Amino acid sequence: MAITPEGEQWRKQMLSYIEGNIDFVINYCRENIPEIKPWRPQASFLVWLDCRDLGLNHQQLVDLFVKRARLALNDGEMFGKGGEGFMRLNVAAPRSILQTALEQLSEVLQPESH
């Protein structure tokens, strides 16, 4: 089955948008959540978030993302040994959704004001 010229244009636009989302996540974390280091994917729309600098155990990390930040991400441990301390973020979404998610995460990581 051949790709139509219209389909190829859409594919290129979609890949460009996802690459922009990856850059957005990397830059947002660098500027606002430096303890979390996103790994640029080689060939997918799934960004691994290296959360090891947070110093949390597995349950604390899951609680941080799910209960406190209200984000349903896959934790790295579910993918096997070596996944400890990582969360997996799907960036194939509108950028506004990614921004909201990262803001929620950033908020729960801010030291409580007195």
PDB file of N, CA and C in Angstrom:
ATOM      1  N   MET A   1       0.845  -1.176   0.000  1.00  0.00           N
ATOM      2  CA  MET A   1       0.000   0.000   0.000  1.00  0.00           C
ATOM      3  C   MET A   1       0.889   1.237   0.000  1.00  0.00           C
ATOM      4  N   ALA A   2       0.718   2.084  -0.956  1.00  0.00           N
ATOM      5  CA  ALA A   2       1.543   3.277  -1.097  1.00  0.00           C
ATOM      6  C   ALA A   2       1.030   4.407  -0.204  1.00  0.00           C
ATOM      7  N   ILE A   3       1.971   5.216   0.260  1.00  0.00           N
ATOM      8  CA  ILE A   3       1.602   6.396   1.039  1.00  0.00           C
ATOM      9  C   ILE A   3       1.277   7.508   0.061  1.00  0.00           C
ATOM     10  N   THR A   4       0.138   8.121   0.252  1.00  0.00           N
ATOM     11  CA  THR A   4      -0.259   9.219  -0.630  1.00  0.00           C
ATOM     12  C   THR A   4       0.580  10.450  -0.287  1.00  0.00           C
ATOM     13  N   PRO A   5       0.728  11.363  -1.223  1.00  0.00           N
ATOM     14  CA  PRO A   5       1.461  12.597  -0.915  1.00  0.00           C
ATOM     15  C   PRO A   5       0.880  13.326   0.295  1.00  0.00           C
ATOM     16  N   GLU A   6      -0.447  13.299   0.428  1.00  0.00           N
ATOM     17  CA  GLU A   6      -1.081  13.954   1.578  1.00  0.00           C
ATOM     18  C   GLU A   6      -0.704  13.245   2.877  1.00  0.00           C
ATOM     19  N   GLY A   7      -0.655  11.931   2.834  1.00  0.00           N
ATOM     20  CA  GLY A   7      -0.287  11.159   4.014  1.00  0.00           C
ATOM     21  C   GLY A   7       1.165  11.394   4.408  1.00  0.00           C
ATOM     22  N   GLU A   8       2.016  11.542   3.435  1.00  0.00           N
ATOM     23  CA  GLU A   8       3.433  11.798   3.716  1.00  0.00           C
ATOM     24  C   GLU A   8       3.613  13.170   4.359  1.00  0.00           C
ATOM     25  N   GLN A   9       2.877  14.143   3.875  1.00  0.00           N
ATOM     26  CA  GLN A   9       2.958  15.484   4.470  1.00  0.00           C
ATOM     27  C   GLN A   9       2.507  15.447   5.932  1.00  0.00           C
ATOM     28  N   TRP A  10       1.389  14.741   6.189  1.00  0.00           N
ATOM     29  CA  TRP A  10       0.890  14.617   7.566  1.00  0.00           C
ATOM     30  C   TRP A  10       1.928  13.926   8.443  1.00  0.00           C
ATOM     31  N   ARG A  11       2.528  12.847   7.944  1.00  0.00           N
ATOM     32  CA  ARG A  11       3.532  12.094   8.708  1.00  0.00           C
ATOM     33  C   ARG A  11       4.707  12.992   9.084  1.00  0.00           C
ATOM     34  N   LYS A  12       5.194  13.773   8.134  1.00  0.00           N
ATOM     35  CA  LYS A  12       6.320  14.672   8.402  1.00  0.00           C
ATOM     36  C   LYS A  12       5.943  15.728   9.441  1.00  0.00           C
ATOM     37  N   GLN A  13       4.734  16.263   9.336  1.00  0.00           N
ATOM     38  CA  GLN A  13       4.274  17.258  10.305  1.00  0.00           C
ATOM     39  C   GLN A  13       4.142  16.639  11.695  1.00  0.00           C
ATOM     40  N   MET A  14       3.613  15.427  11.751  1.00  0.00           N
ATOM     41  CA  MET A  14       3.446  14.747  13.028  1.00  0.00           C
ATOM     42  C   MET A  14       4.798  14.468  13.673  1.00  0.00           C
ATOM     43  N   LEU A  15       5.759  13.970  12.900  1.00  0.00           N
ATOM     44  CA  LEU A  15       7.092  13.690  13.438  1.00  0.00           C
ATOM     45  C   LEU A  15       7.773  14.967  13.917  1.00  0.00           C
ATOM     46  N   SER A  16       7.597  16.044  13.181  1.00  0.00           N
ATOM     47  CA  SER A  16       8.166  17.331  13.577  1.00  0.00           C
ATOM     48  C   SER A  16       7.534  17.818  14.882  1.00  0.00           C
ATOM     49  N   TYR A  17       6.220  17.648  15.014  1.00  0.00           N
ATOM     50  CA  TYR A  17       5.523  18.075  16.230  1.00  0.00           C
ATOM     51  C   TYR A  17       6.004  17.267  17.437  1.00  0.00           C
ATOM     52  N   ILE A  18       6.134  15.963  17.264  1.00  0.00           N
ATOM     53  CA  ILE A  18       6.596  15.114  18.367  1.00  0.00           C
ATOM     54  C   ILE A  18       8.035  15.466  18.740  1.00  0.00           C
ATOM     55  N   GLU A  19       8.884  15.722  17.760  1.00  0.00           N
ATOM     56  CA  GLU A  19      10.254  16.146  18.058  1.00  0.00           C
ATOM     57  C   GLU A  19      10.235  17.452  18.845  1.00  0.00           C
ATOM     58  N   GLY A  20       9.331  18.361  18.496  1.00  0.00           N
ATOM     59  CA  GLY A  20       9.168  19.601  19.256  1.00  0.00           C
ATOM     60  C   GLY A  20       8.715  19.326  20.683  1.00  0.00           C
ATOM     61  N   ASN A  21       7.843  18.337  20.859  1.00  0.00           N
ATOM     62  CA  ASN A  21       7.399  17.960  22.202  1.00  0.00           C
ATOM     63  C   ASN A  21       8.559  17.409  23.032  1.00  0.00           C
ATOM     64  N   ILE A  22       9.403  16.610  22.395  1.00  0.00           N
ATOM     65  CA  ILE A  22      10.565  16.055  23.096  1.00  0.00           C
ATOM     66  C   ILE A  22      11.467  17.208  23.556  1.00  0.00           C
ATOM     67  N   ASP A  23      11.739  18.140  22.653  1.00  0.00           N
ATOM     68  CA  ASP A  23      12.555  19.307  23.016  1.00  0.00           C
ATOM     69  C   ASP A  23      11.904  20.089  24.148  1.00  0.00           C
ATOM     70  N   PHE A  24      10.575  20.250  24.080  1.00  0.00           N
ATOM     71  CA  PHE A  24       9.852  20.976  25.118  1.00  0.00           C
ATOM     72  C   PHE A  24      10.052  20.316  26.488  1.00  0.00           C
ATOM     73  N   VAL A  25       9.903  18.998  26.553  1.00  0.00           N
ATOM     74  CA  VAL A  25      10.057  18.272  27.821  1.00  0.00           C
ATOM     75  C   VAL A  25      11.488  18.420  28.345  1.00  0.00           C
ATOM     76  N   ILE A  26      12.457  18.250  27.477  1.00  0.00           N
ATOM     77  CA  ILE A  26      13.860  18.361  27.891  1.00  0.00           C
ATOM     78  C   ILE A  26      14.148  19.763  28.423  1.00  0.00           C
ATOM     79  N   ASN A  27      13.718  20.774  27.698  1.00  0.00           N
ATOM     80  CA  ASN A  27      13.967  22.150  28.129  1.00  0.00           C
ATOM     81  C   ASN A  27      13.210  22.500  29.403  1.00  0.00           C
ATOM     82  N   TYR A  28      11.959  22.057  29.499  1.00  0.00           N
ATOM     83  CA  TYR A  28      11.158  22.353  30.689  1.00  0.00           C
ATOM     84  C   TYR A  28      11.833  21.759  31.927  1.00  0.00           C
ATOM     85  N   CYS A  29      12.246  20.508  31.823  1.00  0.00           N
ATOM     86  CA  CYS A  29      12.890  19.865  32.976  1.00  0.00           C
ATOM     87  C   CYS A  29      14.198  20.561  33.323  1.00  0.00           C
ATOM     88  N   ARG A  30      14.990  20.896  32.322  1.00  0.00           N
ATOM     89  CA  ARG A  30      16.273  21.564  32.573  1.00  0.00           C
ATOM     90  C   ARG A  30      16.047  22.876  33.333  1.00  0.00           C
ATOM     91  N   GLU A  31      15.009  23.615  32.953  1.00  0.00           N
ATOM     92  CA  GLU A  31      14.764  24.926  33.547  1.00  0.00           C
ATOM     93  C   GLU A  31      13.974  24.884  34.851  1.00  0.00           C
ATOM     94  N   ASN A  32      13.093  23.893  35.013  1.00  0.00           N
ATOM     95  CA  ASN A  32      12.166  23.895  36.151  1.00  0.00           C
ATOM     96  C   ASN A  32      12.278  22.700  37.084  1.00  0.00           C
ATOM     97  N   ILE A  33      12.741  21.580  36.580  1.00  0.00           N
ATOM     98  CA  ILE A  33      12.842  20.362  37.393  1.00  0.00           C
ATOM     99  C   ILE A  33      14.193  19.702  37.102  1.00  0.00           C
ATOM    100  N   PRO A  34      15.303  20.356  37.462  1.00  0.00           N
ATOM    101  CA  PRO A  34      16.616  19.824  37.086  1.00  0.00           C
ATOM    102  C   PRO A  34      16.948  18.455  37.691  1.00  0.00           C
ATOM    103  N   GLU A  35      16.206  18.052  38.723  1.00  0.00           N
ATOM    104  CA  GLU A  35      16.440  16.733  39.316  1.00  0.00           C
ATOM    105  C   GLU A  35      15.962  15.612  38.400  1.00  0.00           C
ATOM    106  N   ILE A  36      15.121  15.949  37.428  1.00  0.00           N
ATOM    107  CA  ILE A  36      14.597  14.961  36.482  1.00  0.00           C
ATOM    108  C   ILE A  36      15.251  15.213  35.134  1.00  0.00           C
ATOM    109  N   LYS A  37      15.884  14.170  34.614  1.00  0.00           N
ATOM    110  CA  LYS A  37      16.624  14.295  33.357  1.00  0.00           C
ATOM    111  C   LYS A  37      15.990  13.415  32.281  1.00  0.00           C
ATOM    112  N   PRO A  38      15.299  14.029  31.326  1.00  0.00           N
ATOM    113  CA  PRO A  38      14.689  13.263  30.236  1.00  0.00           C
ATOM    114  C   PRO A  38      15.758  12.710  29.295  1.00  0.00           C
ATOM    115  N   TRP A  39      15.542  11.500  28.821  1.00  0.00           N
ATOM    116  CA  TRP A  39      16.422  10.871  27.833  1.00  0.00           C
ATOM    117  C   TRP A  39      15.739  10.971  26.479  1.00  0.00           C
ATOM    118  N   ARG A  40      16.425  11.578  25.523  1.00  0.00           N
ATOM    119  CA  ARG A  40      15.878  11.713  24.172  1.00  0.00           C
ATOM    120  C   ARG A  40      15.726  10.320  23.559  1.00  0.00           C
ATOM    121  N   PRO A  41      14.523   9.975  23.103  1.00  0.00           N
ATOM    122  CA  PRO A  41      14.323   8.643  22.509  1.00  0.00           C
ATOM    123  C   PRO A  41      15.023   8.526  21.159  1.00  0.00           C
ATOM    124  N   GLN A  42      15.444   7.312  20.840  1.00  0.00           N
ATOM    125  CA  GLN A  42      16.097   7.053  19.561  1.00  0.00           C
ATOM    126  C   GLN A  42      15.089   7.001  18.413  1.00  0.00           C
ATOM    127  N   ALA A  43      13.952   6.370  18.662  1.00  0.00           N
ATOM    128  CA  ALA A  43      12.997   6.186  17.555  1.00  0.00           C
ATOM    129  C   ALA A  43      11.577   5.978  18.065  1.00  0.00           C
ATOM    130  N   SER A  44      11.152   6.789  19.007  1.00  0.00           N
ATOM    131  CA  SER A  44       9.785   6.630  19.494  1.00  0.00           C
ATOM    132  C   SER A  44       9.300   7.944  20.077  1.00  0.00           C
ATOM    133  N   PHE A  45       8.117   7.902  20.645  1.00  0.00           N
ATOM    134  CA  PHE A  45       7.524   9.073  21.276  1.00  0.00           C
ATOM    135  C   PHE A  45       7.429   8.855  22.780  1.00  0.00           C
ATOM    136  N   LEU A  46       8.249   7.942  23.302  1.00  0.00           N
ATOM    137  CA  LEU A  46       8.270   7.653  24.728  1.00  0.00           C
ATOM    138  C   LEU A  46       9.579   8.169  25.318  1.00  0.00           C
ATOM    139  N   VAL A  47       9.467   9.140  26.208  1.00  0.00           N
ATOM    140  CA  VAL A  47      10.631   9.753  26.833  1.00  0.00           C
ATOM    141  C   VAL A  47      10.810   9.137  28.218  1.00  0.00           C
ATOM    142  N   TRP A  48      11.997   8.622  28.466  1.00  0.00           N
ATOM    143  CA  TRP A  48      12.322   8.093  29.786  1.00  0.00           C
ATOM    144  C   TRP A  48      12.782   9.252  30.659  1.00  0.00           C
ATOM    145  N   LEU A  49      12.148   9.402  31.821  1.00  0.00           N
ATOM    146  CA  LEU A  49      12.506  10.430  32.778  1.00  0.00           C
ATOM    147  C   LEU A  49      13.372   9.810  33.854  1.00  0.00           C
ATOM    148  N   ASP A  50      14.629  10.222  33.913  1.00  0.00           N
ATOM    149  CA  ASP A  50      15.557   9.730  34.923  1.00  0.00           C
ATOM    150  C   ASP A  50      15.302  10.525  36.199  1.00  0.00           C
ATOM    151  N   CYS A  51      14.675   9.864  37.164  1.00  0.00           N
ATOM    152  CA  CYS A  51      14.273  10.517  38.412  1.00  0.00           C
ATOM    153  C   CYS A  51      15.163  10.115  39.585  1.00  0.00           C
ATOM    154  N   ARG A  52      16.275   9.469  39.295  1.00  0.00           N
ATOM    155  CA  ARG A  52      17.116   8.941  40.370  1.00  0.00           C
ATOM    156  C   ARG A  52      17.666  10.025  41.283  1.00  0.00           C
ATOM    157  N   ASP A  53      17.879  11.247  40.770  1.00  0.00           N
ATOM    158  CA  ASP A  53      18.399  12.318  41.618  1.00  0.00           C
ATOM    159  C   ASP A  53      17.390  12.793  42.662  1.00  0.00           C
ATOM    160  N   LEU A  54      16.144  12.348  42.549  1.00  0.00           N
ATOM    161  CA  LEU A  54      15.145  12.689  43.572  1.00  0.00           C
ATOM    162  C   LEU A  54      15.386  11.903  44.858  1.00  0.00           C
ATOM    163  N   GLY A  55      16.130  10.799  44.767  1.00  0.00           N
ATOM    164  CA  GLY A  55      16.441   9.997  45.949  1.00  0.00           C
ATOM    165  C   GLY A  55      15.248   9.271  46.538  1.00  0.00           C
ATOM    166  N   LEU A  56      14.295   8.896  45.700  1.00  0.00           N
ATOM    167  CA  LEU A  56      13.086   8.211  46.175  1.00  0.00           C
ATOM    168  C   LEU A  56      13.157   6.732  45.851  1.00  0.00           C
ATOM    169  N   ASN A  57      12.574   5.917  46.726  1.00  0.00           N
ATOM    170  CA  ASN A  57      12.460   4.500  46.392  1.00  0.00           C
ATOM    171  C   ASN A  57      11.302   4.319  45.409  1.00  0.00           C
ATOM    172  N   HIS A  58      11.110   3.106  44.959  1.00  0.00           N
ATOM    173  CA  HIS A  58      10.108   2.834  43.932  1.00  0.00           C
ATOM    174  C   HIS A  58       8.720   3.317  44.344  1.00  0.00           C
ATOM    175  N   GLN A  59       8.272   2.946  45.514  1.00  0.00           N
ATOM    176  CA  GLN A  59       6.921   3.320  45.944  1.00  0.00           C
ATOM    177  C   GLN A  59       6.783   4.827  46.108  1.00  0.00           C
ATOM    178  N   GLN A  60       7.804   5.480  46.633  1.00  0.00           N
ATOM    179  CA  GLN A  60       7.754   6.936  46.786  1.00  0.00           C
ATOM    180  C   GLN A  60       7.680   7.629  45.421  1.00  0.00           C
ATOM    181  N   LEU A  61       8.405   7.091  44.440  1.00  0.00           N
ATOM    182  CA  LEU A  61       8.390   7.675  43.102  1.00  0.00           C
ATOM    183  C   LEU A  61       7.015   7.519  42.458  1.00  0.00           C
ATOM    184  N   VAL A  62       6.437   6.331  42.572  1.00  0.00           N
ATOM    185  CA  VAL A  62       5.099   6.102  42.028  1.00  0.00           C
ATOM    186  C   VAL A  62       4.086   7.003  42.740  1.00  0.00           C
ATOM    187  N   ASP A  63       4.179   7.114  44.058  1.00  0.00           N
ATOM    188  CA  ASP A  63       3.272   7.986  44.814  1.00  0.00           C
ATOM    189  C   ASP A  63       3.407   9.445  44.366  1.00  0.00           C
ATOM    190  N   LEU A  64       4.637   9.880  44.145  1.00  0.00           N
ATOM    191  CA  LEU A  64       4.874  11.254  43.700  1.00  0.00           C
ATOM    192  C   LEU A  64       4.148  11.524  42.388  1.00  0.00           C
ATOM    193  N   PHE A  65       4.321  10.635  41.409  1.00  0.00           N
ATOM    194  CA  PHE A  65       3.709  10.856  40.100  1.00  0.00           C
ATOM    195  C   PHE A  65       2.206  10.627  40.110  1.00  0.00           C
ATOM    196  N   VAL A  66       1.761   9.540  40.719  1.00  0.00           N
ATOM    197  CA  VAL A  66       0.346   9.160  40.626  1.00  0.00           C
ATOM    198  C   VAL A  66      -0.515   9.899  41.649  1.00  0.00           C
ATOM    199  N   LYS A  67      -0.149   9.822  42.913  1.00  0.00           N
ATOM    200  CA  LYS A  67      -1.006  10.391  43.956  1.00  0.00           C
ATOM    201  C   LYS A  67      -0.850  11.894  44.107  1.00  0.00           C
ATOM    202  N   ARG A  68       0.389  12.373  44.049  1.00  0.00           N
ATOM    203  CA  ARG A  68       0.610  13.804  44.299  1.00  0.00           C
ATOM    204  C   ARG A  68       0.484  14.642  43.031  1.00  0.00           C
ATOM    205  N   ALA A  69       1.156  14.238  41.941  1.00  0.00           N
ATOM    206  CA  ALA A  69       1.104  15.030  40.704  1.00  0.00           C
ATOM    207  C   ALA A  69      -0.080  14.640  39.821  1.00  0.00           C
ATOM    208  N   ARG A  70      -0.756  13.549  40.153  1.00  0.00           N
ATOM    209  CA  ARG A  70      -1.929  13.061  39.410  1.00  0.00           C
ATOM    210  C   ARG A  70      -1.602  12.757  37.945  1.00  0.00           C
ATOM    211  N   LEU A  71      -0.458  12.061  37.742  1.00  0.00           N
ATOM    212  CA  LEU A  71      -0.026  11.673  36.409  1.00  0.00           C
ATOM    213  C   LEU A  71       0.077  10.155  36.337  1.00  0.00           C
ATOM    214  N   ALA A  72      -0.533   9.578  35.337  1.00  0.00           N
ATOM    215  CA  ALA A  72      -0.523   8.119  35.189  1.00  0.00           C
ATOM    216  C   ALA A  72       0.547   7.717  34.169  1.00  0.00           C
ATOM    217  N   LEU A  73       1.790   7.674  34.635  1.00  0.00           N
ATOM    218  CA  LEU A  73       2.903   7.255  33.790  1.00  0.00           C
ATOM    219  C   LEU A  73       3.286   5.827  34.144  1.00  0.00           C
ATOM    220  N   ASN A  74       3.977   5.161  33.222  1.00  0.00           N
ATOM    221  CA  ASN A  74       4.522   3.841  33.515  1.00  0.00           C
ATOM    222  C   ASN A  74       5.826   4.020  34.274  1.00  0.00           C
ATOM    223  N   ASP A  75       5.997   3.243  35.349  1.00  0.00           N
ATOM    224  CA  ASP A  75       7.258   3.312  36.066  1.00  0.00           C
ATOM    225  C   ASP A  75       8.259   2.361  35.418  1.00  0.00           C
ATOM    226  N   GLY A  76       9.519   2.725  35.490  1.00  0.00           N
ATOM    227  CA  GLY A  76      10.565   1.963  34.830  1.00  0.00           C
ATOM    228  C   GLY A  76      10.720   0.555  35.327  1.00  0.00           C
ATOM    229  N   GLU A  77      10.419   0.311  36.594  1.00  0.00           N
ATOM    230  CA  GLU A  77      10.592  -1.040  37.147  1.00  0.00           C
ATOM    231  C   GLU A  77       9.726  -2.063  36.433  1.00  0.00           C
ATOM    232  N   MET A  78       8.596  -1.635  35.892  1.00  0.00           N
ATOM    233  CA  MET A  78       7.715  -2.598  35.229  1.00  0.00           C
ATOM    234  C   MET A  78       8.347  -3.143  33.943  1.00  0.00           C
ATOM    235  N   PHE A  79       9.427  -2.497  33.483  1.00  0.00           N
ATOM    236  CA  PHE A  79      10.107  -2.943  32.268  1.00  0.00           C
ATOM    237  C   PHE A  79      11.342  -3.775  32.565  1.00  0.00           C
ATOM    238  N   GLY A  80      11.600  -4.018  33.843  1.00  0.00           N
ATOM    239  CA  GLY A  80      12.689  -4.911  34.204  1.00  0.00           C
ATOM    240  C   GLY A  80      13.841  -4.237  34.921  1.00  0.00           C
ATOM    241  N   LYS A  81      14.836  -5.045  35.204  1.00  0.00           N
ATOM    242  CA  LYS A  81      16.017  -4.583  35.926  1.00  0.00           C
ATOM    243  C   LYS A  81      16.666  -3.432  35.166  1.00  0.00           C
ATOM    244  N   GLY A  82      17.079  -2.419  35.893  1.00  0.00           N
ATOM    245  CA  GLY A  82      17.667  -1.237  35.285  1.00  0.00           C
ATOM    246  C   GLY A  82      16.662  -0.110  35.117  1.00  0.00           C
ATOM    247  N   GLY A  83      15.380  -0.406  35.274  1.00  0.00           N
ATOM    248  CA  GLY A  83      14.358   0.614  35.124  1.00  0.00           C
ATOM    249  C   GLY A  83      14.055   1.360  36.409  1.00  0.00           C
ATOM    250  N   GLU A  84      14.712   0.961  37.491  1.00  0.00           N
ATOM    251  CA  GLU A  84      14.459   1.595  38.781  1.00  0.00           C
ATOM    252  C   GLU A  84      14.816   3.081  38.718  1.00  0.00           C
ATOM    253  N   GLY A  85      13.946   3.904  39.248  1.00  0.00           N
ATOM    254  CA  GLY A  85      14.199   5.337  39.301  1.00  0.00           C
ATOM    255  C   GLY A  85      13.792   6.089  38.044  1.00  0.00           C
ATOM    256  N   PHE A  86      13.142   5.402  37.111  1.00  0.00           N
ATOM    257  CA  PHE A  86      12.701   6.026  35.871  1.00  0.00           C
ATOM    258  C   PHE A  86      11.181   5.984  35.768  1.00  0.00           C
ATOM    259  N   MET A  87      10.644   6.969  35.044  1.00  0.00           N
ATOM    260  CA  MET A  87       9.242   6.979  34.660  1.00  0.00           C
ATOM    261  C   MET A  87       9.225   7.188  33.147  1.00  0.00           C
ATOM    262  N   ARG A  88       8.190   6.676  32.483  1.00  0.00           N
ATOM    263  CA  ARG A  88       8.113   6.771  31.025  1.00  0.00           C
ATOM    264  C   ARG A  88       6.951   7.682  30.642  1.00  0.00           C
ATOM    265  N   LEU A  89       7.272   8.728  29.870  1.00  0.00           N
ATOM    266  CA  LEU A  89       6.302   9.744  29.478  1.00  0.00           C
ATOM    267  C   LEU A  89       6.023   9.651  27.984  1.00  0.00           C
ATOM    268  N   ASN A  90       4.749   9.531  27.634  1.00  0.00           N
ATOM    269  CA  ASN A  90       4.318   9.515  26.240  1.00  0.00           C
ATOM    270  C   ASN A  90       4.161  10.974  25.791  1.00  0.00           C
ATOM    271  N   VAL A  91       4.945  11.392  24.791  1.00  0.00           N
ATOM    272  CA  VAL A  91       4.888  12.780  24.339  1.00  0.00           C
ATOM    273  C   VAL A  91       4.075  12.954  23.059  1.00  0.00           C
ATOM    274  N   ALA A  92       3.374  11.921  22.627  1.00  0.00           N
ATOM    275  CA  ALA A  92       2.504  12.015  21.444  1.00  0.00           C
ATOM    276  C   ALA A  92       1.153  12.568  21.895  1.00  0.00           C
ATOM    277  N   ALA A  93       1.171  13.841  22.273  1.00  0.00           N
ATOM    278  CA  ALA A  93      -0.013  14.510  22.814  1.00  0.00           C
ATOM    279  C   ALA A  93       0.105  15.991  22.484  1.00  0.00           C
ATOM    280  N   PRO A  94      -0.999  16.712  22.611  1.00  0.00           N
ATOM    281  CA  PRO A  94      -0.897  18.158  22.432  1.00  0.00           C
ATOM    282  C   PRO A  94       0.090  18.751  23.448  1.00  0.00           C
ATOM    283  N   ARG A  95       0.877  19.702  23.003  1.00  0.00           N
ATOM    284  CA  ARG A  95       1.897  20.302  23.870  1.00  0.00           C
ATOM    285  C   ARG A  95       1.277  20.909  25.122  1.00  0.00           C
ATOM    286  N   SER A  96       0.071  21.423  25.021  1.00  0.00           N
ATOM    287  CA  SER A  96      -0.588  22.009  26.194  1.00  0.00           C
ATOM    288  C   SER A  96      -0.817  20.955  27.282  1.00  0.00           C
ATOM    289  N   ILE A  97      -1.093  19.734  26.885  1.00  0.00           N
ATOM    290  CA  ILE A  97      -1.267  18.634  27.856  1.00  0.00           C
ATOM    291  C   ILE A  97       0.066  18.327  28.533  1.00  0.00           C
ATOM    292  N   LEU A  98       1.147  18.278  27.745  1.00  0.00           N
ATOM    293  CA  LEU A  98       2.473  18.041  28.317  1.00  0.00           C
ATOM    294  C   LEU A  98       2.852  19.154  29.281  1.00  0.00           C
ATOM    295  N   GLN A  99       2.556  20.391  28.909  1.00  0.00           N
ATOM    296  CA  GLN A  99       2.886  21.511  29.781  1.00  0.00           C
ATOM    297  C   GLN A  99       2.126  21.402  31.101  1.00  0.00           C
ATOM    298  N   THR A 100       0.844  21.091  31.038  1.00  0.00           N
ATOM    299  CA  THR A 100       0.055  20.930  32.259  1.00  0.00           C
ATOM    300  C   THR A 100       0.630  19.821  33.129  1.00  0.00           C
ATOM    301  N   ALA A 101       0.983  18.697  32.524  1.00  0.00           N
ATOM    302  CA  ALA A 101       1.541  17.566  33.273  1.00  0.00           C
ATOM    303  C   ALA A 101       2.849  17.954  33.954  1.00  0.00           C
ATOM    304  N   LEU A 102       3.729  18.619  33.218  1.00  0.00           N
ATOM    305  CA  LEU A 102       5.016  19.009  33.797  1.00  0.00           C
ATOM    306  C   LEU A 102       4.840  20.067  34.877  1.00  0.00           C
ATOM    307  N   GLU A 103       3.882  20.951  34.720  1.00  0.00           N
ATOM    308  CA  GLU A 103       3.597  21.946  35.758  1.00  0.00           C
ATOM    309  C   GLU A 103       3.091  21.268  37.026  1.00  0.00           C
ATOM    310  N   GLN A 104       2.231  20.268  36.880  1.00  0.00           N
ATOM    311  CA  GLN A 104       1.736  19.525  38.039  1.00  0.00           C
ATOM    312  C   GLN A 104       2.894  18.846  38.767  1.00  0.00           C
ATOM    313  N   LEU A 105       3.800  18.267  38.003  1.00  0.00           N
ATOM    314  CA  LEU A 105       4.961  17.609  38.603  1.00  0.00           C
ATOM    315  C   LEU A 105       5.860  18.623  39.287  1.00  0.00           C
ATOM    316  N   SER A 106       6.111  19.721  38.622  1.00  0.00           N
ATOM    317  CA  SER A 106       6.969  20.763  39.182  1.00  0.00           C
ATOM    318  C   SER A 106       6.394  21.303  40.492  1.00  0.00           C
ATOM    319  N   GLU A 107       5.082  21.497  40.522  1.00  0.00           N
ATOM    320  CA  GLU A 107       4.424  22.018  41.725  1.00  0.00           C
ATOM    321  C   GLU A 107       4.653  21.126  42.938  1.00  0.00           C
ATOM    322  N   VAL A 108       4.516  19.822  42.774  1.00  0.00           N
ATOM    323  CA  VAL A 108       4.658  18.925  43.923  1.00  0.00           C
ATOM    324  C   VAL A 108       6.115  18.772  44.356  1.00  0.00           C
ATOM    325  N   LEU A 109       7.046  19.153  43.493  1.00  0.00           N
ATOM    326  CA  LEU A 109       8.457  19.060  43.839  1.00  0.00           C
ATOM    327  C   LEU A 109       9.013  20.344  44.456  1.00  0.00           C
ATOM    328  N   GLN A 110       8.217  21.421  44.416  1.00  0.00           N
ATOM    329  CA  GLN A 110       8.679  22.683  45.006  1.00  0.00           C
ATOM    330  C   GLN A 110       8.673  22.576  46.513  1.00  0.00           C
ATOM    331  N   PRO A 111       9.709  23.136  47.144  1.00  0.00           N
ATOM    332  CA  PRO A 111       9.709  23.140  48.627  1.00  0.00           C
ATOM    333  C   PRO A 111       8.504  23.933  49.122  1.00  0.00           C
ATOM    334  N   GLU A 112       7.938  23.443  50.184  1.00  0.00           N
ATOM    335  CA  GLU A 112       6.766  24.123  50.725  1.00  0.00           C
ATOM    336  C   GLU A 112       7.150  25.491  51.245  1.00  0.00           C
ATOM    337  N   SER A 113       6.345  26.494  50.887  1.00  0.00           N
ATOM    338  CA  SER A 113       6.615  27.848  51.369  1.00  0.00           C
ATOM    339  C   SER A 113       6.145  27.978  52.812  1.00  0.00           C
ATOM    340  N   HIS A 114       6.833  28.807  53.544  1.00  0.00           N
ATOM    341  CA  HIS A 114       6.503  28.990  54.973  1.00  0.00           C
ATOM    342  C   HIS A 114       5.549  30.127  55.161  1.00  0.00           C
TER     343      HIS A 114
END
